[in-house]
Amino acid sequence: MTRKELIKALATKQGITQATAEAHIDAVKSIIVAEVSAGNEVVLGPDFGTFKPVTRTGVVPGTKTQYNSKSVKFSISAGFKTSLNS
């Protein structure tokens, strides 16, 4: 599913305009990004999953320069996994 398809599906399911659906998706995304960037986990309930911030420390090859790299790990919940396998 593409972003455009997600917006259309949300608009149809909720009876809202596609512009409103897009604004909602953008708002949720910006909240998740802000929280994970701040080092917080974002748990989207027992039926979806969790975004967890991950910081890794590495060394630039051939030097002693260290750096930190931020990324995010998404773990699906047991409820989501059960839904997929039923």
Protein backbone atom coordinates (compact mmCIF):
# COMPACT_ATOMS: atom_id res chain seq x y z
CA MET A 1 0.00 0.00 0.00
CA THR A 2 1.36 3.41 -0.94
CA ARG A 3 0.95 6.60 1.06
CA LYS A 4 -1.67 7.81 -1.42
CA GLU A 5 -3.63 4.55 -1.05
CA LEU A 6 -3.42 4.80 2.75
CA ILE A 7 -4.78 8.35 2.67
CA LYS A 8 -7.66 7.30 0.44
CA ALA A 9 -8.47 4.25 2.61
CA LEU A 10 -8.42 6.33 5.81
CA ALA A 11 -10.64 9.00 4.25
CA THR A 12 -13.14 6.39 3.07
CA LYS A 13 -13.19 4.46 6.36
CA GLN A 14 -13.58 7.58 8.52
CA GLY A 15 -15.86 9.56 6.18
CA ILE A 16 -13.43 12.49 5.95
CA THR A 17 -11.76 14.26 3.07
CA GLN A 18 -8.47 13.03 1.71
CA ALA A 19 -6.87 16.32 2.77
CA THR A 20 -8.00 15.76 6.35
CA ALA A 21 -6.82 12.15 6.26
CA GLU A 22 -3.42 13.28 4.99
CA ALA A 23 -3.19 15.87 7.78
CA HIS A 24 -3.97 13.18 10.36
CA ILE A 25 -1.33 10.82 8.97
CA ASP A 26 1.24 13.63 8.91
CA ALA A 27 0.39 14.59 12.50
CA VAL A 28 0.78 11.01 13.76
CA LYS A 29 4.07 10.66 11.89
CA SER A 30 5.48 13.91 13.29
CA ILE A 31 4.51 12.92 16.85
CA ILE A 32 6.17 9.50 16.49
CA VAL A 33 9.33 11.04 14.99
CA ALA A 34 9.54 13.69 17.74
CA GLU A 35 9.10 11.15 20.54
CA VAL A 36 11.57 8.62 19.13
CA SER A 37 14.09 11.42 18.42
CA ALA A 38 13.79 12.40 22.09
CA GLY A 39 14.69 8.83 23.08
CA ASN A 40 11.17 7.70 23.99
CA GLU A 41 9.40 4.51 22.96
CA VAL A 42 6.07 4.89 21.20
CA VAL A 43 3.68 2.03 21.96
CA LEU A 44 0.70 1.86 19.62
CA GLY A 45 -1.29 -0.58 21.71
CA PRO A 46 -1.39 -4.33 22.14
CA ASP A 47 -2.76 -4.86 18.64
CA PHE A 48 -0.10 -3.00 16.65
CA GLY A 49 3.45 -2.55 17.91
CA THR A 50 6.21 -0.39 19.34
CA PHE A 51 8.72 2.06 17.89
CA LYS A 52 11.97 1.92 19.90
CA PRO A 53 14.88 4.34 19.51
CA VAL A 54 18.26 2.68 18.97
CA THR A 55 21.60 4.49 19.28
CA ARG A 56 24.70 2.82 18.00
CA THR A 57 28.29 3.96 18.47
CA GLY A 58 30.76 3.29 15.71
CA VAL A 59 34.30 4.15 14.71
CA VAL A 60 35.26 5.67 11.37
CA PRO A 61 37.52 3.11 9.64
CA GLY A 62 41.19 4.06 9.70
CA THR A 63 40.71 6.67 12.44
CA LYS A 64 39.87 6.82 16.11
CA THR A 65 36.89 9.11 15.47
CA GLN A 66 33.73 7.83 17.11
CA TYR A 67 30.19 8.71 16.11
CA ASN A 68 26.67 8.01 17.29
CA SER A 69 24.02 6.88 14.88
CA LYS A 70 20.31 6.99 15.68
CA SER A 71 17.84 4.60 14.16
CA VAL A 72 14.52 3.09 15.09
CA LYS A 73 13.35 -0.46 15.57
CA PHE A 74 9.70 -1.40 15.08
CA SER A 75 8.46 -4.51 16.86
CA ILE A 76 5.04 -5.89 16.04
CA SER A 77 2.90 -6.89 18.99
CA ALA A 78 1.76 -10.41 19.78
CA GLY A 79 -1.80 -9.37 18.94
CA PHE A 80 -0.74 -8.13 15.49
CA LYS A 81 1.23 -11.29 14.85
CA THR A 82 -1.78 -13.40 15.85
CA SER A 83 -4.00 -11.41 13.49
CA LEU A 84 -1.58 -12.04 10.62
CA ASN A 85 -1.50 -15.78 11.26
CA SER A 86 -5.23 -16.36 11.66
